[in-house]
Amino acid sequence: MSDKIIRMDKQGDSGNQDVVIKGDAMERFANAFEASARRWELIVYPALLAFVVLAAYGFFLIYTLSKDINTLARGMDPEMGKHLGHISESVIYLSENIRTMTRRVHDMSVSVDDMSGKMDELDHLEPMLLTMRGMNTSMGSMNHHIGTMTLTTDAMRYDVGRMGNSMRPMNFMNNFVPW
């Protein structure tokens, strides 16, 4: 009977439909479904097994990680719960201090802007700056002359010291006088 169905399908003879038995078509459908199911079984069962293995490994990793974090937390501070309130208060206090610092820095910025504006108004001080440059030059010259005088005075001290050492009675007296 299946030969007739195959022949009809190949020939395309639609006039002889009463020859086809309905049970035979269901049998073909069931066979095709079973073949398709076998193909899917080759894919789905290994994939399902791989998923179960990966899920078990993921559970193992999460369990190990939570165990390690628990050990780490207990090692750091066993009374961490008690200290969290203090830490919270400290963070609030720190936040208030930062807010105060921000206001003060803003006030300083306004003051520096004010000073900058006032410095621009000091253009009339230019003649005084020229006079001060001349005074600076004079002070440098005076510093040089005083340095020369210091060298000369030092040379005089050296010569007087040698003169004192070269006189015999003075040399004798220097041994008895403590200064």
Protein backbone atom coordinates (compact mmCIF):
# COMPACT_ATOMS: atom_id res chain seq x y z
CA MET A 1 0.00 0.00 0.00
CA SER A 2 2.83 2.41 0.74
CA ASP A 3 4.12 1.76 -2.78
CA LYS A 4 0.89 3.25 -4.15
CA ILE A 5 1.29 6.34 -1.96
CA ILE A 6 4.85 6.84 -3.08
CA ARG A 7 3.86 6.31 -6.71
CA MET A 8 0.97 8.73 -6.36
CA ASP A 9 3.23 11.32 -4.87
CA LYS A 10 5.72 10.91 -7.69
CA GLN A 11 3.12 10.86 -10.46
CA GLY A 12 0.94 13.53 -8.99
CA ASP A 13 -2.21 11.49 -9.61
CA SER A 14 -4.91 13.17 -7.59
CA GLY A 15 -7.87 11.38 -9.13
CA ASN A 16 -7.24 8.15 -7.26
CA GLN A 17 -7.34 9.49 -3.68
CA ASP A 18 -9.61 6.84 -2.29
CA VAL A 19 -6.74 4.35 -2.57
CA VAL A 20 -4.73 6.12 0.13
CA ILE A 21 -5.44 4.77 3.56
CA LYS A 22 -5.52 7.32 6.38
CA GLY A 23 -3.65 5.09 8.85
CA ASP A 24 -0.70 4.85 6.47
CA ALA A 25 -0.26 8.66 6.45
CA MET A 26 -0.32 8.73 10.23
CA GLU A 27 2.31 6.01 10.28
CA ARG A 28 4.53 8.03 7.98
CA PHE A 29 4.00 11.11 10.15
CA ALA A 30 4.88 9.15 13.28
CA ASN A 31 8.02 7.73 11.64
CA ALA A 32 9.11 11.19 10.48
CA PHE A 33 8.42 12.59 13.95
CA GLU A 34 10.43 9.83 15.60
CA ALA A 35 13.36 10.42 13.23
CA SER A 36 13.21 14.14 13.95
CA ALA A 37 12.97 13.46 17.67
CA ARG A 38 16.05 11.22 17.50
CA ARG A 39 17.98 14.00 15.80
CA TRP A 40 16.90 16.45 18.45
CA GLU A 41 17.77 13.97 21.19
CA LEU A 42 21.33 13.94 19.86
CA ILE A 43 21.47 17.70 20.40
CA VAL A 44 19.23 18.36 23.40
CA TYR A 45 20.41 15.65 25.82
CA PRO A 46 24.12 16.54 25.61
CA ALA A 47 23.22 20.22 25.84
CA LEU A 48 21.06 19.51 28.89
CA LEU A 49 23.88 17.53 30.47
CA ALA A 50 26.35 20.36 29.76
CA PHE A 51 23.92 22.87 31.28
CA VAL A 52 23.56 20.78 34.45
CA VAL A 53 27.36 20.46 34.75
CA LEU A 54 27.83 24.22 34.24
CA ALA A 55 25.05 25.04 36.72
CA ALA A 56 26.66 22.76 39.31
CA TYR A 57 30.05 24.38 38.72
CA GLY A 58 28.49 27.87 38.97
CA PHE A 59 26.85 26.92 42.26
CA PHE A 60 30.20 25.62 43.51
CA LEU A 61 31.93 28.87 42.54
CA ILE A 62 29.30 31.06 44.22
CA TYR A 63 29.39 28.89 47.35
CA THR A 64 33.20 29.07 47.49
CA LEU A 65 33.19 32.84 46.90
CA SER A 66 30.63 33.48 49.63
CA LYS A 67 32.60 31.26 52.02
CA ASP A 68 35.82 33.18 51.24
CA ILE A 69 34.11 36.56 51.68
CA ASN A 70 32.69 35.38 55.00
CA THR A 71 36.18 34.36 56.14
CA LEU A 72 37.60 37.68 54.96
CA ALA A 73 34.90 39.71 56.72
CA ARG A 74 35.36 37.83 59.99
CA GLY A 75 39.13 38.21 59.74
CA MET A 76 38.93 41.97 59.20
CA ASP A 77 36.61 42.96 62.04
CA PRO A 78 34.40 40.52 63.90
CA GLU A 79 32.32 43.38 65.32
CA MET A 80 31.86 45.20 62.02
CA GLY A 81 28.12 45.64 62.62
CA LYS A 82 28.78 47.76 65.71
CA HIS A 83 31.25 49.95 63.85
CA LEU A 84 29.03 50.64 60.85
CA GLY A 85 26.98 53.17 62.84
CA HIS A 86 30.13 55.03 63.83
CA ILE A 87 31.36 54.94 60.23
CA SER A 88 28.00 56.35 59.07
CA GLU A 89 28.24 59.23 61.59
CA SER A 90 31.81 59.93 60.51
CA VAL A 91 30.79 60.08 56.86
CA ILE A 92 28.03 62.57 57.72
CA TYR A 93 30.53 64.70 59.70
CA LEU A 94 33.00 64.51 56.81
CA SER A 95 30.30 65.59 54.38
CA GLU A 96 29.50 68.64 56.53
CA ASN A 97 33.20 69.55 56.74
CA ILE A 98 33.57 69.29 52.97
CA ARG A 99 30.51 71.50 52.54
CA THR A 100 32.09 74.10 54.88
CA MET A 101 35.39 73.91 53.00
CA THR A 102 33.55 74.43 49.71
CA ARG A 103 31.89 77.59 51.06
CA ARG A 104 35.21 78.92 52.34
CA VAL A 105 36.99 78.25 49.07
CA HIS A 106 34.16 80.05 47.26
CA ASP A 107 34.57 83.02 49.64
CA MET A 108 38.32 83.01 48.98
CA SER A 109 37.67 82.99 45.24
CA VAL A 110 35.42 86.04 45.58
CA SER A 111 38.11 87.80 47.67
CA VAL A 112 40.81 87.03 45.10
CA ASP A 113 38.56 88.39 42.35
CA ASP A 114 38.13 91.58 44.44
CA MET A 115 41.88 91.87 44.91
CA SER A 116 42.42 91.39 41.19
CA GLY A 117 40.04 94.24 40.44
CA LYS A 118 41.80 96.50 42.97
CA MET A 119 45.22 95.67 41.51
CA ASP A 120 44.05 96.93 38.15
CA GLU A 121 43.27 100.29 39.78
CA LEU A 122 46.91 100.70 40.97
CA ASP A 123 48.21 101.98 37.62
CA HIS A 124 49.05 105.40 39.18
CA LEU A 125 51.89 103.74 41.14
CA GLU A 126 54.14 103.58 38.06
CA PRO A 127 56.25 106.69 39.02
CA MET A 128 56.79 105.24 42.49
CA LEU A 129 58.02 102.00 40.92
CA LEU A 130 60.61 103.92 38.87
CA THR A 131 61.88 105.64 42.04
CA MET A 132 62.03 102.30 43.84
CA ARG A 133 64.09 100.82 40.99
CA GLY A 134 66.61 103.65 41.43
CA MET A 135 66.71 102.99 45.17
CA ASN A 136 67.24 99.31 44.48
CA THR A 137 70.24 100.13 42.29
CA SER A 138 71.65 102.44 45.02
CA MET A 139 71.20 99.74 47.66
CA GLY A 140 73.06 97.24 45.46
CA SER A 141 75.95 99.71 45.08
CA MET A 142 75.99 100.34 48.81
CA ASN A 143 76.00 96.61 49.49
CA HIS A 144 79.04 96.26 47.22
CA HIS A 145 80.91 99.09 49.00
CA ILE A 146 80.16 97.65 52.46
CA GLY A 147 81.51 94.28 51.23
CA THR A 148 84.72 96.03 50.17
CA MET A 149 84.95 97.74 53.58
CA THR A 150 84.49 94.36 55.30
CA LEU A 151 87.39 92.90 53.31
CA THR A 152 89.59 95.88 54.15
CA THR A 153 88.70 95.68 57.86
CA ASP A 154 89.48 91.96 57.85
CA ALA A 155 92.88 92.64 56.28
CA MET A 156 93.56 95.27 58.95
CA ARG A 157 92.61 92.80 61.71
CA TYR A 158 94.99 90.25 60.24
CA ASP A 159 97.83 92.78 60.07
CA VAL A 160 97.28 94.00 63.64
CA GLY A 161 97.21 90.42 64.86
CA ARG A 162 100.52 89.67 63.16
CA MET A 163 102.00 92.87 64.51
CA GLY A 164 100.93 91.88 68.04
CA ASN A 165 102.50 88.47 67.63
CA SER A 166 105.72 89.87 66.26
CA MET A 167 106.42 92.15 69.28
CA ARG A 168 108.28 90.25 71.91
CA PRO A 169 107.02 91.85 75.12
CA MET A 170 103.44 91.67 73.83
CA ASN A 171 103.95 88.03 72.97
CA PHE A 172 105.15 87.42 76.51
CA MET A 173 102.13 89.28 77.97
CA ASN A 174 99.64 87.42 75.74
CA ASN A 175 100.57 84.18 77.44
CA PHE A 176 99.41 85.59 80.84
CA VAL A 177 96.34 87.59 79.80
CA PRO A 178 93.30 85.34 79.19
CA TRP A 179 91.58 87.55 76.62
